[in-house]
Every structure is written in C-alpha cells, then in structure tokens.
C-alpha cells in the first residue's frame, strides 16, 4: 500500500495548501459567487496532478493503465442517468423530512425569467444539469475521477468491492475537509459537514465505482460525478433559502444520503440477482478498466 500512502500524502498536502491560499486571499468559499466557485472547481484537478506525480515517481507511463477508455457501451448511458434519479429521490426525501414549497424565491425567479411552472422549472434544471454533466462538469470531474476511480482504485485490485468503496470514500471525503471547514457544501454546519461529507463520499464511491467497472472506463465516473454536481442544486428550487438545513436537506444532507442509499441497494440487488458478474461480492477485477485507449 506504499502507493496509496504516497497518493494520500500528496493529495492532502495540495488540497490543504490550496485551502490555505483561498483562506489567506479572503475568498468566501460558501458564497458561491464571483471567482470562488471557479477557484474551488480548480481544486478538482488536484487528484489528477497527484496521479501524474505518483506515476512519475514509480516510472509508470503517465495516464496509462487507469481506465481512460472511450469505448462507449450501454453503461455510459445508465451511469449518466443515475444521479438525476438520485436528485429526484433526494427531492422526495427532502419533502418528507422538511417539506417543499413551489413558491420559493429561487423558483419564482426562474419562473419569471421563463414562461414555465414548477414542473417545467424542475425539468429544465434537470436537463440542463445533465447537459453540463457530460460537458464542462465532466471535464472538471475528470480531474478528480482519474485519481479516485482511476489510479487509486487500481491500487486495491483483489480487495473486496464494498471495502474498497468504504476506504476510498473515507479518503475522498476527508480530502474535502479544508474546503468544508470554510463553508463548502455545509455553510451552516462546517464541522459536522466534514463527517457528513465522508458518508456522502462512501455512498457515491459505491455507486460510481460500480458503473466504472461495468463500463470499463473512468470517463463514465467523470460523467457521473459531473452530472451529480450539476443536478445537486435541484432541491434548492423547492426549499426556501431561509428554511434550508444543510444537514438534512439536499444532495449532501440526510435526504441525499437516503436517496443514494436506495440506489446503492438497488445496484446491490441487481448485481446479486440479475447480472452474472457479481461485482459487489467478489474481489475487485480491474482488467476491464486497466485497458485504455491512450496508448
């Protein structure tokens, strides 16, 4: 596990350095305005940089053997649809936990800018998020996924699927800590947010890892991650800013965790009773994602 320890040391060192730079520069990460979102998004390339450093140090061909494949199959499509489904489930759980309102300030502003009602606003936001998920968001998400589901996952070959999901999820979640503590995703409860982000990343790891292996490509992981980021804000349409609780509502709150748990259970049952591969209960076989087309 020498490579894993090196990867963690570099990735954590870079993100804490970036977080310190943001803090000293006076950027309010939780504001989601101005240059702050772009600077935070730039941090998503840290796992890519870490991967290049680790491969260089072990004299491996750069960006080779970590699943960068453009061979499209049906799992690309299924993966792309997964987090829009999670977003809709999150909305349902948010309604159950906190209640939703079709007359929030955000909803009214959207409906005034376009002749659409609440259902139209939901559909427009979902579809535009899916478009962003396979374009600009996927580019930024690739910066992370080439590390988490590319290089790092490769180091766990032969280990259990569930155990690897948990370990990488913990590493991934804690990697966000400096940004979370500055208000990213959990502006109301930044300290608790660090713990909740770990849970969110464990659940996301299980889901994304499954489709990455089934599709044979880390590009699918980037599309899923990018789409997740793009549709995560749908709940804000129906929950007023004055009522939103970042521990309970939305993609990173309890509602989002329950939604991802439902999807993870469905994936596990599908893997157990429908497909023949039995990925979830077998040692990781990464032969399908180590053969890439970058040669």
C-alpha atoms as a PDB file:
ATOM      1  CA  UNK A   1       0.000   0.000   0.000  1.00  0.00           C
ATOM      2  CA  UNK A   2       3.021   2.247  -0.408  1.00  0.00           C
ATOM      3  CA  UNK A   3       1.475   3.939  -3.443  1.00  0.00           C
ATOM      4  CA  UNK A   4      -1.745   4.632  -1.537  1.00  0.00           C
ATOM      5  CA  UNK A   5       0.132   6.331   1.303  1.00  0.00           C
ATOM      6  CA  UNK A   6       2.105   8.439  -1.168  1.00  0.00           C
ATOM      7  CA  UNK A   7      -1.078   9.367  -3.009  1.00  0.00           C
ATOM      8  CA  UNK A   8      -2.818  10.438   0.210  1.00  0.00           C
ATOM      9  CA  UNK A   9       0.179  12.482   1.362  1.00  0.00           C
ATOM     10  CA  UNK A  10       0.415  14.403  -1.920  1.00  0.00           C
ATOM     11  CA  UNK A  11      -3.328  14.890  -2.464  1.00  0.00           C
ATOM     12  CA  UNK A  12      -3.920  16.044   1.102  1.00  0.00           C
ATOM     13  CA  UNK A  13      -0.877  18.284   1.074  1.00  0.00           C
ATOM     14  CA  UNK A  14      -2.016  20.005  -2.114  1.00  0.00           C
ATOM     15  CA  UNK A  15      -5.641  20.490  -1.033  1.00  0.00           C
ATOM     16  CA  UNK A  16      -4.629  21.929   2.343  1.00  0.00           C
ATOM     17  CA  UNK A  17      -2.180  24.257   0.582  1.00  0.00           C
ATOM     18  CA  UNK A  18      -4.941  25.337  -1.807  1.00  0.00           C
ATOM     19  CA  UNK A  19      -7.358  25.801   1.084  1.00  0.00           C
ATOM     20  CA  UNK A  20      -4.836  27.942   2.959  1.00  0.00           C
ATOM     21  CA  UNK A  21      -4.268  30.051  -0.146  1.00  0.00           C
ATOM     22  CA  UNK A  22      -8.023  30.596  -0.532  1.00  0.00           C
ATOM     23  CA  UNK A  23      -8.359  31.492   3.137  1.00  0.00           C
ATOM     24  CA  UNK A  24      -5.484  33.958   3.113  1.00  0.00           C
ATOM     25  CA  UNK A  25      -6.790  35.510  -0.108  1.00  0.00           C
ATOM     26  CA  UNK A  26     -10.092  36.287   1.594  1.00  0.00           C
ATOM     27  CA  UNK A  27     -12.329  34.268  -0.709  1.00  0.00           C
ATOM     28  CA  UNK A  28     -15.614  33.200   0.871  1.00  0.00           C
ATOM     29  CA  UNK A  29     -15.985  29.620  -0.325  1.00  0.00           C
ATOM     30  CA  UNK A  30     -19.579  29.398   0.894  1.00  0.00           C
ATOM     31  CA  UNK A  31     -20.686  32.439  -1.121  1.00  0.00           C
ATOM     32  CA  UNK A  32     -20.956  30.558  -4.450  1.00  0.00           C
ATOM     33  CA  UNK A  33     -20.432  33.865  -6.210  1.00  0.00           C
ATOM     34  CA  UNK A  34     -17.671  35.687  -8.027  1.00  0.00           C
ATOM     35  CA  UNK A  35     -14.424  33.802  -8.521  1.00  0.00           C
ATOM     36  CA  UNK A  36     -14.905  31.482  -5.529  1.00  0.00           C
ATOM     37  CA  UNK A  37     -16.747  28.663  -7.399  1.00  0.00           C
ATOM     38  CA  UNK A  38     -14.130  28.616 -10.145  1.00  0.00           C
ATOM     39  CA  UNK A  39     -11.264  28.528  -7.678  1.00  0.00           C
ATOM     40  CA  UNK A  40     -12.903  25.675  -5.755  1.00  0.00           C
ATOM     41  CA  UNK A  41     -13.538  23.832  -9.045  1.00  0.00           C
ATOM     42  CA  UNK A  42      -9.861  24.212  -9.929  1.00  0.00           C
ATOM     43  CA  UNK A  43      -9.069  22.154  -6.828  1.00  0.00           C
ATOM     44  CA  UNK A  44     -10.757  19.223  -8.568  1.00  0.00           C
ATOM     45  CA  UNK A  45      -7.627  18.821 -10.690  1.00  0.00           C
ATOM     46  CA  UNK A  46      -5.502  18.060  -7.623  1.00  0.00           C
ATOM     47  CA  UNK A  47      -6.135  14.271  -7.830  1.00  0.00           C
ATOM     48  CA  UNK A  48      -5.044  14.392 -11.490  1.00  0.00           C
ATOM     49  CA  UNK A  49      -1.840  16.192 -10.551  1.00  0.00           C
ATOM     50  CA  UNK A  50      -1.325  13.691  -7.719  1.00  0.00           C
ATOM     51  CA  UNK A  51      -1.785  10.788 -10.123  1.00  0.00           C
ATOM     52  CA  UNK A  52       0.829  12.193 -12.505  1.00  0.00           C
ATOM     53  CA  UNK A  53       3.305  12.677  -9.650  1.00  0.00           C
ATOM     54  CA  UNK A  54       2.749   9.140  -8.318  1.00  0.00           C
ATOM     55  CA  UNK A  55       3.084   7.567 -11.751  1.00  0.00           C
ATOM     56  CA  UNK A  56       6.206   9.595 -12.453  1.00  0.00           C
ATOM     57  CA  UNK A  57       7.753   8.554  -9.144  1.00  0.00           C
ATOM     58  CA  UNK A  58       7.149   4.866  -9.883  1.00  0.00           C
ATOM     59  CA  UNK A  59       8.258   5.288 -13.522  1.00  0.00           C
ATOM     60  CA  UNK A  60       4.859   4.285 -14.919  1.00  0.00           C
ATOM     61  CA  UNK A  61       3.623   5.632 -18.272  1.00  0.00           C
ATOM     62  CA  UNK A  62       1.628   8.741 -17.473  1.00  0.00           C
ATOM     63  CA  UNK A  63      -2.166   8.283 -17.551  1.00  0.00           C
ATOM     64  CA  UNK A  64      -1.805   4.694 -18.755  1.00  0.00           C
ATOM     65  CA  UNK A  65      -3.487   1.611 -17.341  1.00  0.00           C
ATOM     66  CA  UNK A  66      -6.028   3.527 -15.243  1.00  0.00           C
ATOM     67  CA  UNK A  67      -9.124   3.138 -17.396  1.00  0.00           C
ATOM     68  CA  UNK A  68      -9.138   6.115 -19.755  1.00  0.00           C
ATOM     69  CA  UNK A  69     -11.206   4.380 -22.413  1.00  0.00           C
ATOM     70  CA  UNK A  70     -13.532   5.948 -24.979  1.00  0.00           C
ATOM     71  CA  UNK A  71     -15.203   2.672 -25.949  1.00  0.00           C
ATOM     72  CA  UNK A  72     -18.846   3.592 -25.372  1.00  0.00           C
ATOM     73  CA  UNK A  73     -21.338   1.000 -24.177  1.00  0.00           C
ATOM     74  CA  UNK A  74     -24.779   0.999 -22.533  1.00  0.00           C
ATOM     75  CA  UNK A  75     -23.282   1.514 -19.072  1.00  0.00           C
ATOM     76  CA  UNK A  76     -22.248   5.032 -20.078  1.00  0.00           C
ATOM     77  CA  UNK A  77     -25.928   5.873 -20.544  1.00  0.00           C
ATOM     78  CA  UNK A  78     -27.066   4.131 -17.358  1.00  0.00           C
ATOM     79  CA  UNK A  79     -24.333   5.884 -15.383  1.00  0.00           C
ATOM     80  CA  UNK A  80     -25.312   9.270 -16.819  1.00  0.00           C
ATOM     81  CA  UNK A  81     -28.931   8.766 -15.717  1.00  0.00           C
ATOM     82  CA  UNK A  82     -28.113   7.583 -12.206  1.00  0.00           C
ATOM     83  CA  UNK A  83     -27.595  10.879 -10.405  1.00  0.00           C
ATOM     84  CA  UNK A  84     -30.592  12.629 -11.992  1.00  0.00           C
ATOM     85  CA  UNK A  85     -32.592   9.767 -10.455  1.00  0.00           C
ATOM     86  CA  UNK A  86     -30.777  10.354  -7.168  1.00  0.00           C
ATOM     87  CA  UNK A  87     -31.661  14.062  -7.409  1.00  0.00           C
ATOM     88  CA  UNK A  88     -35.365  13.285  -7.811  1.00  0.00           C
ATOM     89  CA  UNK A  89     -35.266  10.838  -4.898  1.00  0.00           C
ATOM     90  CA  UNK A  90     -33.477  13.490  -2.852  1.00  0.00           C
ATOM     91  CA  UNK A  91     -36.320  15.892  -3.579  1.00  0.00           C
ATOM     92  CA  UNK A  92     -38.835  13.307  -2.360  1.00  0.00           C
ATOM     93  CA  UNK A  93     -36.880  12.650   0.843  1.00  0.00           C
ATOM     94  CA  UNK A  94     -36.461  16.396   1.402  1.00  0.00           C
ATOM     95  CA  UNK A  95     -40.227  16.794   1.152  1.00  0.00           C
ATOM     96  CA  UNK A  96     -40.623  14.008   3.706  1.00  0.00           C
ATOM     97  CA  UNK A  97     -38.035  15.477   6.095  1.00  0.00           C
ATOM     98  CA  UNK A  98     -38.540  19.235   5.787  1.00  0.00           C
ATOM     99  CA  UNK A  99     -41.305  19.825   3.287  1.00  0.00           C
ATOM    100  CA  UNK A 100     -41.010  21.560  -0.079  1.00  0.00           C
ATOM    101  CA  UNK A 101     -42.586  24.706  -1.490  1.00  0.00           C
ATOM    102  CA  UNK A 102     -43.261  25.517  -5.147  1.00  0.00           C
ATOM    103  CA  UNK A 103     -43.257  29.271  -4.423  1.00  0.00           C
ATOM    104  CA  UNK A 104     -39.736  29.805  -3.135  1.00  0.00           C
ATOM    105  CA  UNK A 105     -37.709  32.844  -4.158  1.00  0.00           C
ATOM    106  CA  UNK A 106     -35.484  30.740  -6.398  1.00  0.00           C
ATOM    107  CA  UNK A 107     -38.495  29.112  -8.081  1.00  0.00           C
ATOM    108  CA  UNK A 108     -40.260  32.441  -8.587  1.00  0.00           C
ATOM    109  CA  UNK A 109     -37.161  33.997 -10.133  1.00  0.00           C
ATOM    110  CA  UNK A 110     -36.780  31.070 -12.554  1.00  0.00           C
ATOM    111  CA  UNK A 111     -40.465  31.084 -13.497  1.00  0.00           C
ATOM    112  CA  UNK A 112     -40.382  34.848 -14.076  1.00  0.00           C
ATOM    113  CA  UNK A 113     -37.389  34.585 -16.387  1.00  0.00           C
ATOM    114  CA  UNK A 114     -39.081  31.868 -18.456  1.00  0.00           C
ATOM    115  CA  UNK A 115     -42.779  31.052 -19.040  1.00  0.00           C
ATOM    116  CA  UNK A 116     -42.683  27.761 -17.129  1.00  0.00           C
ATOM    117  CA  UNK A 117     -44.302  26.438 -13.985  1.00  0.00           C
ATOM    118  CA  UNK A 118     -42.732  24.427 -11.171  1.00  0.00           C
ATOM    119  CA  UNK A 119     -42.766  21.182 -13.172  1.00  0.00           C
ATOM    120  CA  UNK A 120     -41.188  22.951 -16.129  1.00  0.00           C
ATOM    121  CA  UNK A 121     -38.567  24.524 -13.894  1.00  0.00           C
ATOM    122  CA  UNK A 122     -37.709  21.116 -12.476  1.00  0.00           C
ATOM    123  CA  UNK A 123     -37.458  19.554 -15.950  1.00  0.00           C
ATOM    124  CA  UNK A 124     -35.401  22.451 -17.321  1.00  0.00           C
ATOM    125  CA  UNK A 125     -32.977  22.369 -14.392  1.00  0.00           C
ATOM    126  CA  UNK A 126     -32.634  18.592 -14.596  1.00  0.00           C
ATOM    127  CA  UNK A 127     -31.995  18.528 -18.358  1.00  0.00           C
ATOM    128  CA  UNK A 128     -29.583  21.467 -18.299  1.00  0.00           C
ATOM    129  CA  UNK A 129     -27.739  19.774 -15.443  1.00  0.00           C
ATOM    130  CA  UNK A 130     -27.458  16.569 -17.441  1.00  0.00           C
ATOM    131  CA  UNK A 131     -26.063  18.530 -20.384  1.00  0.00           C
ATOM    132  CA  UNK A 132     -23.496  20.205 -18.143  1.00  0.00           C
ATOM    133  CA  UNK A 133     -22.724  16.796 -16.644  1.00  0.00           C
ATOM    134  CA  UNK A 134     -21.412  15.405 -19.916  1.00  0.00           C
ATOM    135  CA  UNK A 135     -19.551  18.566 -20.958  1.00  0.00           C
ATOM    136  CA  UNK A 136     -17.877  21.197 -18.760  1.00  0.00           C
ATOM    137  CA  UNK A 137     -18.670  19.472 -15.455  1.00  0.00           C
ATOM    138  CA  UNK A 138     -17.308  16.166 -16.734  1.00  0.00           C
ATOM    139  CA  UNK A 139     -14.034  17.910 -17.603  1.00  0.00           C
ATOM    140  CA  UNK A 140     -13.578  19.170 -14.047  1.00  0.00           C
ATOM    141  CA  UNK A 141     -14.813  15.883 -12.564  1.00  0.00           C
ATOM    142  CA  UNK A 142     -12.249  14.003 -14.661  1.00  0.00           C
ATOM    143  CA  UNK A 143      -9.607  15.843 -12.653  1.00  0.00           C
ATOM    144  CA  UNK A 144     -10.856  14.013  -9.573  1.00  0.00           C
ATOM    145  CA  UNK A 145     -12.019  10.694 -11.002  1.00  0.00           C
ATOM    146  CA  UNK A 146      -8.741   9.907 -12.750  1.00  0.00           C
ATOM    147  CA  UNK A 147      -7.392   9.777  -9.217  1.00  0.00           C
ATOM    148  CA  UNK A 148     -10.182   8.225  -7.125  1.00  0.00           C
ATOM    149  CA  UNK A 149     -11.624   5.721  -9.617  1.00  0.00           C
ATOM    150  CA  UNK A 150      -8.527   5.562 -11.807  1.00  0.00           C
ATOM    151  CA  UNK A 151      -5.139   5.441 -10.097  1.00  0.00           C
ATOM    152  CA  UNK A 152      -6.294   4.877  -6.513  1.00  0.00           C
ATOM    153  CA  UNK A 153      -8.838   2.158  -7.341  1.00  0.00           C
ATOM    154  CA  UNK A 154      -6.123   0.310  -9.244  1.00  0.00           C
ATOM    155  CA  UNK A 155      -4.130   0.001  -6.011  1.00  0.00           C
ATOM    156  CA  UNK A 156      -6.945  -2.053  -4.445  1.00  0.00           C
ATOM    157  CA  UNK A 157      -7.093  -4.766  -7.093  1.00  0.00           C
ATOM    158  CA  UNK A 158      -8.076  -8.073  -5.499  1.00  0.00           C
ATOM    159  CA  UNK A 159      -9.673  -6.405  -2.473  1.00  0.00           C
ATOM    160  CA  UNK A 160     -13.405  -6.502  -1.749  1.00  0.00           C
ATOM    161  CA  UNK A 161     -15.675  -4.144  -3.665  1.00  0.00           C
ATOM    162  CA  UNK A 162     -17.511  -2.927  -0.571  1.00  0.00           C
ATOM    163  CA  UNK A 163     -14.350  -2.484   1.485  1.00  0.00           C
ATOM    164  CA  UNK A 164     -12.698  -0.527  -1.303  1.00  0.00           C
ATOM    165  CA  UNK A 165     -15.770   1.699  -1.649  1.00  0.00           C
ATOM    166  CA  UNK A 166     -15.589   2.499   2.057  1.00  0.00           C
ATOM    167  CA  UNK A 167     -11.833   3.127   2.155  1.00  0.00           C
ATOM    168  CA  UNK A 168     -11.738   5.309  -0.970  1.00  0.00           C
ATOM    169  CA  UNK A 169     -14.902   7.054   0.208  1.00  0.00           C
ATOM    170  CA  UNK A 170     -13.236   7.951   3.512  1.00  0.00           C
ATOM    171  CA  UNK A 171     -10.079   9.169   1.764  1.00  0.00           C
ATOM    172  CA  UNK A 172     -12.150  11.158  -0.728  1.00  0.00           C
ATOM    173  CA  UNK A 173     -14.447  12.619   1.915  1.00  0.00           C
ATOM    174  CA  UNK A 174     -11.661  13.753   4.248  1.00  0.00           C
ATOM    175  CA  UNK A 175      -9.822  15.230   1.264  1.00  0.00           C
ATOM    176  CA  UNK A 176     -12.632  17.822   1.109  1.00  0.00           C
ATOM    177  CA  UNK A 177     -12.082  18.838   4.756  1.00  0.00           C
ATOM    178  CA  UNK A 178     -10.289  22.189   4.267  1.00  0.00           C
ATOM    179  CA  UNK A 179     -12.969  23.406   1.846  1.00  0.00           C
ATOM    180  CA  UNK A 180     -15.810  22.054   4.003  1.00  0.00           C
ATOM    181  CA  UNK A 181     -14.421  23.848   7.049  1.00  0.00           C
ATOM    182  CA  UNK A 182     -14.534  27.074   5.043  1.00  0.00           C
ATOM    183  CA  UNK A 183     -18.222  26.566   4.254  1.00  0.00           C
ATOM    184  CA  UNK A 184     -18.265  24.486   1.074  1.00  0.00           C
ATOM    185  CA  UNK A 185     -21.453  22.332   0.890  1.00  0.00           C
ATOM    186  CA  UNK A 186     -22.189  22.873   4.603  1.00  0.00           C
ATOM    187  CA  UNK A 187     -22.055  26.619   5.280  1.00  0.00           C
ATOM    188  CA  UNK A 188     -24.338  26.301   8.320  1.00  0.00           C
ATOM    189  CA  UNK A 189     -22.511  23.397   9.987  1.00  0.00           C
ATOM    190  CA  UNK A 190     -18.939  23.187   8.638  1.00  0.00           C
ATOM    191  CA  UNK A 191     -17.589  20.979  11.455  1.00  0.00           C
ATOM    192  CA  UNK A 192     -20.375  18.406  11.193  1.00  0.00           C
ATOM    193  CA  UNK A 193     -20.104  18.795   7.435  1.00  0.00           C
ATOM    194  CA  UNK A 194     -16.700  17.091   7.421  1.00  0.00           C
ATOM    195  CA  UNK A 195     -18.249  13.927   8.892  1.00  0.00           C
ATOM    196  CA  UNK A 196     -21.304  14.039   6.649  1.00  0.00           C
ATOM    197  CA  UNK A 197     -19.148  14.543   3.566  1.00  0.00           C
ATOM    198  CA  UNK A 198     -17.344  11.304   4.377  1.00  0.00           C
ATOM    199  CA  UNK A 199     -20.675   9.447   4.460  1.00  0.00           C
ATOM    200  CA  UNK A 200     -21.749  11.084   1.189  1.00  0.00           C
ATOM    201  CA  UNK A 201     -18.461  10.112  -0.485  1.00  0.00           C
ATOM    202  CA  UNK A 202     -18.708   6.498   0.719  1.00  0.00           C
ATOM    203  CA  UNK A 203     -22.160   6.168  -0.849  1.00  0.00           C
ATOM    204  CA  UNK A 204     -21.051   7.935  -4.029  1.00  0.00           C
ATOM    205  CA  UNK A 205     -17.965   5.728  -4.228  1.00  0.00           C
ATOM    206  CA  UNK A 206     -20.079   2.584  -4.146  1.00  0.00           C
ATOM    207  CA  UNK A 207     -22.325   3.852  -6.947  1.00  0.00           C
ATOM    208  CA  UNK A 208     -19.679   5.404  -9.199  1.00  0.00           C
ATOM    209  CA  UNK A 209     -17.213   2.546  -8.685  1.00  0.00           C
ATOM    210  CA  UNK A 210     -19.809   0.031  -9.819  1.00  0.00           C
ATOM    211  CA  UNK A 211     -20.518   1.804 -13.097  1.00  0.00           C
ATOM    212  CA  UNK A 212     -16.823   2.484 -13.653  1.00  0.00           C
ATOM    213  CA  UNK A 213     -16.116  -1.245 -13.508  1.00  0.00           C
ATOM    214  CA  UNK A 214     -19.206  -2.255 -15.521  1.00  0.00           C
ATOM    215  CA  UNK A 215     -18.450   0.268 -18.273  1.00  0.00           C
ATOM    216  CA  UNK A 216     -14.724  -0.381 -18.294  1.00  0.00           C
ATOM    217  CA  UNK A 217     -13.947   3.333 -18.275  1.00  0.00           C
ATOM    218  CA  UNK A 218     -13.085   6.033 -15.762  1.00  0.00           C
ATOM    219  CA  UNK A 219     -14.663   8.508 -18.205  1.00  0.00           C
ATOM    220  CA  UNK A 220     -18.056   7.226 -17.037  1.00  0.00           C
ATOM    221  CA  UNK A 221     -17.047   8.048 -13.462  1.00  0.00           C
ATOM    222  CA  UNK A 222     -16.259  11.613 -14.596  1.00  0.00           C
ATOM    223  CA  UNK A 223     -19.642  11.922 -16.336  1.00  0.00           C
ATOM    224  CA  UNK A 224     -21.457  10.629 -13.242  1.00  0.00           C
ATOM    225  CA  UNK A 225     -19.525  12.902 -10.882  1.00  0.00           C
ATOM    226  CA  UNK A 226     -20.031  15.898 -13.168  1.00  0.00           C
ATOM    227  CA  UNK A 227     -23.738  15.210 -13.536  1.00  0.00           C
ATOM    228  CA  UNK A 228     -24.108  14.773  -9.784  1.00  0.00           C
ATOM    229  CA  UNK A 229     -22.560  18.197  -9.192  1.00  0.00           C
ATOM    230  CA  UNK A 230     -24.781  19.743 -11.859  1.00  0.00           C
ATOM    231  CA  UNK A 231     -28.131  18.419 -10.599  1.00  0.00           C
ATOM    232  CA  UNK A 232     -27.362  18.576  -6.880  1.00  0.00           C
ATOM    233  CA  UNK A 233     -28.913  22.021  -6.537  1.00  0.00           C
ATOM    234  CA  UNK A 234     -32.383  20.990  -7.724  1.00  0.00           C
ATOM    235  CA  UNK A 235     -33.653  20.763  -4.157  1.00  0.00           C
ATOM    236  CA  UNK A 236     -32.914  24.476  -3.683  1.00  0.00           C
ATOM    237  CA  UNK A 237     -35.710  25.225  -6.152  1.00  0.00           C
ATOM    238  CA  UNK A 238     -38.248  23.870  -3.697  1.00  0.00           C
ATOM    239  CA  UNK A 239     -36.726  24.716  -0.330  1.00  0.00           C
ATOM    240  CA  UNK A 240     -36.535  28.360   0.631  1.00  0.00           C
ATOM    241  CA  UNK A 241     -33.088  29.682   1.427  1.00  0.00           C
ATOM    242  CA  UNK A 242     -34.336  30.684   4.861  1.00  0.00           C
ATOM    243  CA  UNK A 243     -35.566  27.132   5.579  1.00  0.00           C
ATOM    244  CA  UNK A 244     -32.779  25.081   4.017  1.00  0.00           C
ATOM    245  CA  UNK A 245     -30.838  22.959   6.519  1.00  0.00           C
ATOM    246  CA  UNK A 246     -27.570  21.667   5.068  1.00  0.00           C
ATOM    247  CA  UNK A 247     -27.525  18.693   7.465  1.00  0.00           C
ATOM    248  CA  UNK A 248     -30.992  17.485   6.468  1.00  0.00           C
ATOM    249  CA  UNK A 249     -31.917  18.811   3.042  1.00  0.00           C
ATOM    250  CA  UNK A 250     -30.430  18.495  -0.407  1.00  0.00           C
ATOM    251  CA  UNK A 251     -27.795  16.321  -2.008  1.00  0.00           C
ATOM    252  CA  UNK A 252     -25.250  16.491   0.817  1.00  0.00           C
ATOM    253  CA  UNK A 253     -27.744  16.265   3.663  1.00  0.00           C
ATOM    254  CA  UNK A 254     -29.707  13.365   5.124  1.00  0.00           C
ATOM    255  CA  UNK A 255     -32.134  13.423   2.200  1.00  0.00           C
ATOM    256  CA  UNK A 256     -29.340  12.949  -0.332  1.00  0.00           C
ATOM    257  CA  UNK A 257     -27.763  10.165   1.720  1.00  0.00           C
ATOM    258  CA  UNK A 258     -31.060   8.274   1.877  1.00  0.00           C
ATOM    259  CA  UNK A 259     -31.517   8.704  -1.876  1.00  0.00           C
ATOM    260  CA  UNK A 260     -28.035   7.340  -2.621  1.00  0.00           C
ATOM    261  CA  UNK A 261     -28.568   4.502  -0.155  1.00  0.00           C
ATOM    262  CA  UNK A 262     -31.714   3.468  -2.034  1.00  0.00           C
ATOM    263  CA  UNK A 263     -29.834   3.496  -5.341  1.00  0.00           C
ATOM    264  CA  UNK A 264     -26.911   1.581  -3.802  1.00  0.00           C
ATOM    265  CA  UNK A 265     -29.290  -1.112  -2.517  1.00  0.00           C
ATOM    266  CA  UNK A 266     -30.909  -1.393  -5.955  1.00  0.00           C
ATOM    267  CA  UNK A 267     -27.455  -1.773  -7.522  1.00  0.00           C
ATOM    268  CA  UNK A 268     -26.507  -4.450  -4.998  1.00  0.00           C
ATOM    269  CA  UNK A 269     -29.740  -6.420  -5.608  1.00  0.00           C
ATOM    270  CA  UNK A 270     -29.273  -6.107  -9.369  1.00  0.00           C
ATOM    271  CA  UNK A 271     -25.713  -7.347  -9.054  1.00  0.00           C
ATOM    272  CA  UNK A 272     -26.729 -10.194  -6.763  1.00  0.00           C
ATOM    273  CA  UNK A 273     -29.809 -11.488  -8.559  1.00  0.00           C
ATOM    274  CA  UNK A 274     -29.721 -10.256 -12.171  1.00  0.00           C
ATOM    275  CA  UNK A 275     -26.233  -9.870 -13.610  1.00  0.00           C
ATOM    276  CA  UNK A 276     -23.751 -12.728 -13.798  1.00  0.00           C
ATOM    277  CA  UNK A 277     -20.630 -10.787 -12.846  1.00  0.00           C
ATOM    278  CA  UNK A 278     -21.276 -10.477  -9.084  1.00  0.00           C
ATOM    279  CA  UNK A 279     -19.056  -7.403  -8.803  1.00  0.00           C
ATOM    280  CA  UNK A 280     -20.288  -6.318  -5.359  1.00  0.00           C
ATOM    281  CA  UNK A 281     -19.466  -9.619  -3.649  1.00  0.00           C
ATOM    282  CA  UNK A 282     -16.280 -10.565  -5.489  1.00  0.00           C
ATOM    283  CA  UNK A 283     -12.653  -9.394  -5.249  1.00  0.00           C
ATOM    284  CA  UNK A 284     -12.009  -6.407  -7.474  1.00  0.00           C
ATOM    285  CA  UNK A 285     -11.186  -7.470 -11.016  1.00  0.00           C
ATOM    286  CA  UNK A 286      -9.948  -4.353 -12.763  1.00  0.00           C
ATOM    287  CA  UNK A 287      -8.875  -5.973 -16.018  1.00  0.00           C
ATOM    288  CA  UNK A 288     -11.772  -4.254 -17.777  1.00  0.00           C
ATOM    289  CA  UNK A 289     -10.744  -0.760 -16.717  1.00  0.00           C
ATOM    290  CA  UNK A 290      -6.970  -1.017 -16.912  1.00  0.00           C
ATOM    291  CA  UNK A 291      -7.037  -1.489 -20.677  1.00  0.00           C
ATOM    292  CA  UNK A 292      -7.358   2.011 -22.014  1.00  0.00           C
ATOM    293  CA  UNK A 293      -7.085   3.672 -25.406  1.00  0.00           C
ATOM    294  CA  UNK A 294      -4.347   6.160 -24.589  1.00  0.00           C
ATOM    295  CA  UNK A 295      -1.562   4.012 -25.990  1.00  0.00           C
END
